[in-house]
Protein backbone atom coordinates (compact mmCIF):
# COMPACT_ATOMS: atom_id res chain seq x y z
CA UNK A 1 75.94 85.31 107.01
CA UNK A 2 78.96 87.54 106.36
CA UNK A 3 77.06 90.63 105.23
CA UNK A 4 77.65 92.57 108.43
CA UNK A 5 81.40 92.35 107.70
CA UNK A 6 81.06 94.10 104.34
CA UNK A 7 81.21 97.82 103.62
CA UNK A 8 78.12 99.07 101.79
CA UNK A 9 80.20 100.41 98.93
CA UNK A 10 81.95 97.07 98.52
CA UNK A 11 78.62 95.21 98.68
CA UNK A 12 77.50 97.26 95.67
CA UNK A 13 80.40 95.81 93.69
CA UNK A 14 79.74 92.18 94.66
CA UNK A 15 78.20 90.99 91.41
CA UNK A 16 80.94 92.62 89.36
CA UNK A 17 83.59 91.22 91.69
CA UNK A 18 82.23 87.69 91.27
CA UNK A 19 82.07 88.15 87.50
CA UNK A 20 85.74 89.18 87.43
CA UNK A 21 86.68 86.19 89.56
CA UNK A 22 84.76 83.78 87.35
CA UNK A 23 86.28 85.27 84.20
CA UNK A 24 89.79 84.76 85.56
CA UNK A 25 88.88 81.27 86.81
CA UNK A 26 87.63 80.20 83.39
CA UNK A 27 90.84 81.40 81.73
CA UNK A 28 93.66 80.16 84.00
CA UNK A 29 97.22 80.94 82.99
CA UNK A 30 100.37 79.31 84.34
CA UNK A 31 103.39 81.07 85.84
CA UNK A 32 104.81 83.88 83.69
CA UNK A 33 102.06 83.22 81.13
CA UNK A 34 99.43 85.44 82.82
CA UNK A 35 99.14 87.75 79.79
CA UNK A 36 95.35 88.01 79.59
CA UNK A 37 94.98 88.17 83.36
CA UNK A 38 97.54 90.95 83.71
CA UNK A 39 95.97 92.84 80.78
CA UNK A 40 92.59 92.66 82.52
CA UNK A 41 94.12 93.80 85.81
CA UNK A 42 96.02 96.69 84.25
CA UNK A 43 93.04 97.92 82.22
CA UNK A 44 90.76 97.91 85.27
CA UNK A 45 93.31 99.72 87.42
CA UNK A 46 93.71 102.40 84.73
CA UNK A 47 89.93 102.72 84.59
CA UNK A 48 89.86 103.21 88.36
CA UNK A 49 92.44 106.01 88.12
CA UNK A 50 95.69 104.30 89.13
CA UNK A 51 99.10 104.98 87.68
CA UNK A 52 99.83 101.56 86.20
CA UNK A 53 103.17 99.90 85.49
CA UNK A 54 103.11 96.68 83.48
CA UNK A 55 105.54 93.89 82.68
CA UNK A 56 107.44 93.72 85.95
CA UNK A 57 108.82 90.18 86.07
CA UNK A 58 107.29 89.67 82.63
CA UNK A 59 103.59 89.73 83.52
CA UNK A 60 103.46 91.53 86.87
CA UNK A 61 101.41 94.70 87.33
CA UNK A 62 101.62 97.47 89.92
CA UNK A 63 99.00 100.16 90.36
CA UNK A 64 99.86 103.24 92.39
CA UNK A 65 97.42 105.73 93.90
CA UNK A 66 98.60 108.83 95.73
CA UNK A 67 96.67 111.26 97.87
CA UNK A 68 99.01 113.81 99.40
CA UNK A 69 102.04 113.18 101.55
CA UNK A 70 102.09 110.30 103.99
CA UNK A 71 103.22 106.73 104.49
CA UNK A 72 103.08 104.12 101.76
CA UNK A 73 101.42 100.72 101.93
CA UNK A 74 101.64 97.69 99.64
CA UNK A 75 98.88 95.16 99.05
CA UNK A 76 99.76 92.05 97.06
CA UNK A 77 97.76 89.44 95.14
CA UNK A 78 99.05 86.54 93.05
CA UNK A 79 97.63 85.73 89.60
CA UNK A 80 98.92 82.36 88.35
CA UNK A 81 97.13 79.02 88.07
CA UNK A 82 98.30 75.41 88.39
CA UNK A 83 98.86 72.58 85.87
CA UNK A 84 95.82 70.63 87.07
CA UNK A 85 92.82 69.25 85.14
CA UNK A 86 89.76 70.86 86.74
CA UNK A 87 87.06 68.44 87.93
CA UNK A 88 84.46 70.84 89.38
CA UNK A 89 81.88 70.96 86.54
CA UNK A 90 81.25 74.62 87.41
CA UNK A 91 79.59 76.86 84.83
CA UNK A 92 82.79 78.94 84.89
CA UNK A 93 85.20 76.00 84.98
CA UNK A 94 88.56 76.22 83.24
CA UNK A 95 88.45 76.53 79.46
CA UNK A 96 92.18 75.86 79.25
CA UNK A 97 92.79 72.12 79.33
CA UNK A 98 95.21 71.03 82.03
CA UNK A 99 95.21 74.42 83.77
CA UNK A 100 93.19 75.39 86.83
CA UNK A 101 92.89 78.03 89.53
CA UNK A 102 93.17 75.39 92.23
CA UNK A 103 94.74 77.69 94.83
CA UNK A 104 92.37 80.64 94.72
CA UNK A 105 94.61 83.20 93.05
CA UNK A 106 91.60 84.19 90.95
CA UNK A 107 89.88 85.20 94.18
CA UNK A 108 92.96 86.97 95.53
CA UNK A 109 93.14 89.05 92.35
CA UNK A 110 89.44 89.90 92.21
CA UNK A 111 89.44 90.90 95.87
CA UNK A 112 92.34 93.32 95.54
CA UNK A 113 90.91 94.84 92.37
CA UNK A 114 87.66 95.60 94.19
CA UNK A 115 89.43 97.13 97.17
CA UNK A 116 91.51 99.21 94.76
CA UNK A 117 88.38 100.50 93.05
CA UNK A 118 86.70 101.45 96.32
CA UNK A 119 89.78 103.30 97.56
CA UNK A 120 90.08 105.22 94.31
CA UNK A 121 86.46 106.32 94.63
CA UNK A 122 86.90 107.29 98.28
CA UNK A 123 90.23 109.09 98.45
CA UNK A 124 89.19 111.03 101.50
CA UNK A 125 89.72 107.79 103.47
CA UNK A 126 93.51 107.96 103.25
CA UNK A 127 96.52 110.22 102.98
CA UNK A 128 99.65 108.75 101.45
CA UNK A 129 100.43 106.16 98.77
CA UNK A 130 98.81 102.84 97.94
CA UNK A 131 100.70 100.29 95.86
CA UNK A 132 98.58 97.37 94.67
CA UNK A 133 100.90 94.61 93.49
CA UNK A 134 99.64 91.86 91.18
CA UNK A 135 102.32 89.22 91.10
CA UNK A 136 102.93 86.43 88.59
CA UNK A 137 104.37 82.99 89.16
CA UNK A 138 103.84 82.29 92.84
CA UNK A 139 103.43 78.56 92.17
CA UNK A 140 107.03 77.41 92.36
CA UNK A 141 108.67 80.05 90.17
CA UNK A 142 109.35 82.78 92.75
CA UNK A 143 107.62 85.61 90.93
CA UNK A 144 107.90 87.75 94.06
CA UNK A 145 111.67 87.42 94.07
CA UNK A 146 111.85 88.33 90.37
CA UNK A 147 109.71 91.42 90.89
CA UNK A 148 112.06 92.49 93.68
CA UNK A 149 115.10 91.85 91.47
CA UNK A 150 113.54 94.12 88.84
CA UNK A 151 113.29 96.97 91.33
CA UNK A 152 109.81 96.58 92.80
CA UNK A 153 110.52 98.32 96.09
CA UNK A 154 112.89 100.89 94.61
CA UNK A 155 110.21 101.97 92.14
CA UNK A 156 107.33 101.58 94.58
CA UNK A 157 108.63 102.03 98.14
CA UNK A 158 106.41 100.54 100.83
CA UNK A 159 106.60 101.20 104.55
CA UNK A 160 104.64 97.99 105.10
CA UNK A 161 103.21 95.26 102.91
CA UNK A 162 100.28 92.90 103.34
CA UNK A 163 98.83 89.92 101.53
CA UNK A 164 96.35 87.14 102.18
CA UNK A 165 95.60 83.54 101.29
CA UNK A 166 92.29 81.79 101.47
CA UNK A 167 92.46 78.65 103.60
CA UNK A 168 90.02 75.73 103.33
CA UNK A 169 89.14 73.98 106.56
CA UNK A 170 88.38 77.18 108.45
CA UNK A 171 84.97 78.84 108.58
CA UNK A 172 84.35 81.21 105.68
CA UNK A 173 85.36 84.79 106.40
CA UNK A 174 87.21 83.99 109.62
CA UNK A 175 90.68 85.58 109.76
CA UNK A 176 93.89 84.08 111.12
CA UNK A 177 96.95 86.08 112.18
CA UNK A 178 100.32 84.78 113.36
CA UNK A 179 103.43 86.82 114.15
CA UNK A 180 106.89 85.41 113.47
CA UNK A 181 107.54 82.23 111.43
CA UNK A 182 104.18 81.56 109.80
CA UNK A 183 104.84 79.48 106.68
CA UNK A 184 107.67 77.03 106.13
CA UNK A 185 110.69 77.40 103.91
CA UNK A 186 110.61 75.13 100.85
CA UNK A 187 113.67 73.30 99.53
CA UNK A 188 113.89 70.89 96.60
CA UNK A 189 116.47 68.09 96.64
CA UNK A 190 117.39 66.29 93.41
CA UNK A 191 119.23 63.01 93.86
CA UNK A 192 120.90 60.84 91.22
CA UNK A 193 121.98 57.38 92.34
CA UNK A 194 124.52 55.61 90.12
CA UNK A 195 124.67 51.86 90.41
CA UNK A 196 125.53 49.08 88.00
CA UNK A 197 122.86 47.68 85.74
CA UNK A 198 122.32 44.03 84.95
CA UNK A 199 119.91 41.12 84.72
CA UNK A 200 117.16 41.01 87.31
CA UNK A 201 117.81 37.26 87.75
CA UNK A 202 121.47 37.85 88.69
CA UNK A 203 121.40 40.76 91.13
CA UNK A 204 124.70 39.76 92.74
CA UNK A 205 126.47 40.95 89.58
CA UNK A 206 124.90 44.39 89.78
CA UNK A 207 124.56 47.32 92.14
CA UNK A 208 120.84 47.95 92.29
CA UNK A 209 120.02 51.70 92.51
CA UNK A 210 116.36 50.90 93.21
CA UNK A 211 117.32 49.20 96.46
CA UNK A 212 119.60 52.11 97.30
CA UNK A 213 116.80 54.60 96.67
CA UNK A 214 114.45 52.60 98.87
CA UNK A 215 116.98 52.55 101.68
CA UNK A 216 117.56 56.29 101.36
CA UNK A 217 113.83 57.01 101.65
CA UNK A 218 113.63 55.13 104.92
CA UNK A 219 116.89 56.55 106.29
CA UNK A 220 115.80 60.12 105.57
CA UNK A 221 112.99 59.78 108.08
CA UNK A 222 115.52 59.32 110.88
CA UNK A 223 116.79 62.86 110.26
CA UNK A 224 113.50 64.23 111.56
CA UNK A 225 113.20 61.61 114.28
CA UNK A 226 116.76 61.71 115.60
CA UNK A 227 118.43 64.94 114.45
CA UNK A 228 115.75 67.59 114.89
CA UNK A 229 114.44 68.81 118.23
CA UNK A 230 110.94 67.32 118.65
CA UNK A 231 109.63 70.81 119.39
CA UNK A 232 110.75 72.03 115.96
CA UNK A 233 108.95 71.37 112.68
CA UNK A 234 110.67 69.61 109.78
CA UNK A 235 109.16 67.63 106.92
CA UNK A 236 111.08 65.52 104.41
CA UNK A 237 108.94 64.01 101.66
CA UNK A 238 110.20 61.86 98.80
CA UNK A 239 107.84 62.97 96.06
CA UNK A 240 109.33 61.14 93.09
CA UNK A 241 111.41 58.03 92.44
CA UNK A 242 112.15 57.10 88.84
CA UNK A 243 114.17 54.07 87.78
CA UNK A 244 114.10 51.14 85.43
CA UNK A 245 112.24 50.13 82.31
CA UNK A 246 111.32 46.46 82.84
CA UNK A 247 110.80 44.03 85.71
CA UNK A 248 113.82 41.89 84.81
CA UNK A 249 116.31 44.70 84.25
CA UNK A 250 118.33 46.30 87.05
CA UNK A 251 118.89 49.88 85.86
CA UNK A 252 122.09 51.85 86.00
CA UNK A 253 120.53 54.86 87.71
CA UNK A 254 117.68 55.96 89.92
CA UNK A 255 116.46 59.52 90.32
CA UNK A 256 114.67 60.99 93.32
CA UNK A 257 113.24 64.38 94.27
CA UNK A 258 112.44 65.51 97.79
CA UNK A 259 110.63 68.48 99.24
CA UNK A 260 111.91 69.74 102.59
CA UNK A 261 110.02 72.15 104.86
CA UNK A 262 111.28 73.96 107.97
CA UNK A 263 110.07 76.70 110.28
CA UNK A 264 113.54 77.54 111.61
CA UNK A 265 116.49 78.60 109.39
CA UNK A 266 119.02 77.09 111.82
CA UNK A 267 117.27 73.72 111.61
CA UNK A 268 117.15 74.13 107.84
CA UNK A 269 120.95 74.28 107.75
CA UNK A 270 121.27 71.15 109.90
CA UNK A 271 118.74 69.23 107.81
CA UNK A 272 120.44 70.13 104.54
CA UNK A 273 123.77 68.75 105.73
CA UNK A 274 122.23 65.61 107.21
CA UNK A 275 120.37 64.88 103.96
CA UNK A 276 123.58 65.19 101.97
CA UNK A 277 125.43 62.92 104.41
CA UNK A 278 122.65 60.35 104.59
CA UNK A 279 122.32 60.06 100.81
CA UNK A 280 126.08 59.81 100.27
CA UNK A 281 126.75 57.18 102.90
CA UNK A 282 123.64 55.10 102.25
CA UNK A 283 124.72 54.87 98.62
CA UNK A 284 128.29 53.96 99.57
CA UNK A 285 127.08 51.21 101.86
CA UNK A 286 125.58 49.46 98.81
CA UNK A 287 128.55 50.10 96.53
CA UNK A 288 126.80 52.89 94.67
CA UNK A 289 127.44 56.61 94.41
CA UNK A 290 125.00 59.50 94.65
CA UNK A 291 124.90 63.13 93.60
CA UNK A 292 122.80 65.63 95.52
CA UNK A 293 121.56 68.99 94.23
CA UNK A 294 120.05 70.95 97.12
CA UNK A 295 117.94 73.93 96.04
CA UNK A 296 116.51 76.49 98.45
CA UNK A 297 113.35 77.59 96.68
CA UNK A 298 111.32 79.75 99.09
CA UNK A 299 112.51 81.14 102.42
CA UNK A 300 110.66 81.06 105.71
CA UNK A 301 107.69 83.44 105.73
CA UNK A 302 108.24 85.61 108.78
CA UNK A 303 105.45 88.01 109.72
CA UNK A 304 106.81 91.06 111.53
CA UNK A 305 105.50 91.58 115.05
CA UNK A 306 104.37 95.21 114.74
CA UNK A 307 102.58 94.87 111.42
CA UNK A 308 100.91 91.61 112.43
CA UNK A 309 99.62 93.18 115.64
CA UNK A 310 98.33 96.09 113.58
CA UNK A 311 96.63 93.83 111.01
CA UNK A 312 94.99 91.80 113.75
CA UNK A 313 93.80 94.94 115.58
CA UNK A 314 92.12 96.15 112.39
CA UNK A 315 90.54 92.74 111.96
CA UNK A 316 89.18 92.57 115.49
CA UNK A 317 87.79 96.11 115.35
CA UNK A 318 86.14 95.63 111.96
CA UNK A 319 85.12 91.96 112.01
CA UNK A 320 84.62 91.36 115.72
CA UNK A 321 86.36 88.79 117.90
CA UNK A 322 84.03 86.01 116.78
CA UNK A 323 85.55 86.19 113.30
CA UNK A 324 89.17 85.92 114.47
CA UNK A 325 90.67 82.44 114.57
CA UNK A 326 92.14 82.11 118.03
CA UNK A 327 95.72 80.85 118.41
CA UNK A 328 96.26 80.43 114.66
CA UNK A 329 99.17 78.03 114.08
CA UNK A 330 102.02 78.22 111.54
CA UNK A 331 101.50 76.40 108.24
CA UNK A 332 103.99 73.98 106.69
CA UNK A 333 103.07 74.98 103.14
CA UNK A 334 105.26 77.68 101.58
CA UNK A 335 104.67 81.02 99.91
CA UNK A 336 106.93 83.38 97.95
CA UNK A 337 105.43 86.43 99.68
CA UNK A 338 108.25 85.50 102.08
CA UNK A 339 110.69 87.24 99.72
CA UNK A 340 108.74 90.49 100.05
CA UNK A 341 108.71 90.20 103.83
CA UNK A 342 112.50 89.92 103.77
CA UNK A 343 112.60 93.42 102.27
CA UNK A 344 109.62 95.16 103.86
CA UNK A 345 107.91 94.56 107.21
CA UNK A 346 104.40 93.22 106.90
CA UNK A 347 101.92 90.45 107.46
CA UNK A 348 100.46 87.58 105.48
CA UNK A 349 96.88 87.01 106.59
CA UNK A 350 94.85 83.79 106.32
CA UNK A 351 91.12 83.78 105.62
CA UNK A 352 88.86 80.76 105.99
CA UNK A 353 87.44 79.56 102.68
CA UNK A 354 84.85 77.22 104.18
CA UNK A 355 84.42 73.80 105.74
CA UNK A 356 82.51 71.78 103.16
CA UNK A 357 82.23 71.06 99.46
CA UNK A 358 84.50 72.73 96.93
CA UNK A 359 85.25 75.55 99.38
CA UNK A 360 86.42 73.11 102.06
CA UNK A 361 88.40 71.03 99.59
CA UNK A 362 92.17 71.10 99.88
CA UNK A 363 94.16 73.62 97.89
CA UNK A 364 95.82 72.19 94.76
CA UNK A 365 92.93 69.75 94.39
CA UNK A 366 90.97 69.37 91.13
CA UNK A 367 87.65 69.78 93.02
CA UNK A 368 88.57 73.00 94.87
CA UNK A 369 86.89 76.36 94.32
CA UNK A 370 87.40 79.78 95.89
CA UNK A 371 84.43 80.88 97.99
CA UNK A 372 82.71 83.89 96.39
CA UNK A 373 81.14 84.80 99.72
CA UNK A 374 84.47 85.89 101.18
CA UNK A 375 85.32 88.22 98.27
CA UNK A 376 83.51 91.30 99.68
CA UNK A 377 84.67 90.52 103.22
CA UNK A 378 88.35 90.54 102.30
CA UNK A 379 87.94 93.56 100.00
CA UNK A 380 86.33 95.42 102.89
CA UNK A 381 89.13 94.38 105.22
CA UNK A 382 91.76 95.73 102.78
CA UNK A 383 89.94 99.05 102.73
CA UNK A 384 89.82 99.24 106.52
CA UNK A 385 93.50 98.26 106.73
CA UNK A 386 94.54 101.01 104.32
CA UNK A 387 92.28 103.52 106.09
CA UNK A 388 93.89 102.70 109.44
CA UNK A 389 97.46 102.73 108.07
CA UNK A 390 97.12 105.88 105.99
CA UNK A 391 95.01 107.94 108.35
CA UNK A 392 94.05 111.26 106.71
């Protein structure tokens, strides 16, 4: 159904593209451990004729292709997997126990490799420099930031940068574009509550940190309800609470971890302070104390206006309006491509992975699978984007 959105040259690579994706899927590697994946990527890029630089941020790879003087463009794909036990029963399911490509980075990598090959074989399509960036450690370890710290954009200057993420729940091969704040910032909050342990049958002689933690969880929800403008987006989720060892023992401590998401940096500042105040004073009201470690992990992903308009224009002209998701909304998940967009203008594009089955299954789910049918569509889109940006 998506064949009319595929370049003939890309269609010829489809079987090989799927084979690469399946190979990576069956051998998932966690953040900064992507040694075999990066070796495969680097060897293929060298075969295609790229100047390849390895070991940026440990396992990152950049391939550069030049054709005369002109602008420079960056295309980025992530390579790491997640610590999840795969439950798909696919013929190419993970062979590495407890590791899985449950976010589609295998598809992101295979797609960019195919686009890179096509562009190398059709250099008359562009004039300038292409930098294909294969990034490690997107899943919580800020591999993008580490590549930048190791001189990514000094070594490989880009006038604009683009990336994409597959997105279950949207029709396969349909593209979503959103200018401005498009994915939320991600903060982690680590809380230690110090009470006074004792016998569960004599709670009046103790200060129960479990009760304090429970009160804090409920009080945190009032920050969103009563401190944040209802038209803004903020999420506070208590993901872990750990305390105690037996039903009749009141422990000395309780430990909590929160994830906090915002689509506005000013609101992010307010929320951070209110969390710290709420935790401190809730603990005090019970006679306990609390320590808060507030960590800003990933910043807001902010798509630049000009580059997003350009990316969408290419999409509409190549795919047709029927394949553009109208009024695509910001997403409260987070993405470390945001670090790259802080340094270089660009756009992060979303592509529907499908509505049903493994392709419609949520990301980070043991039953998820990247949709092979969108591989040639996205690879073709990358080619058209580069062709339009680096007009010969």
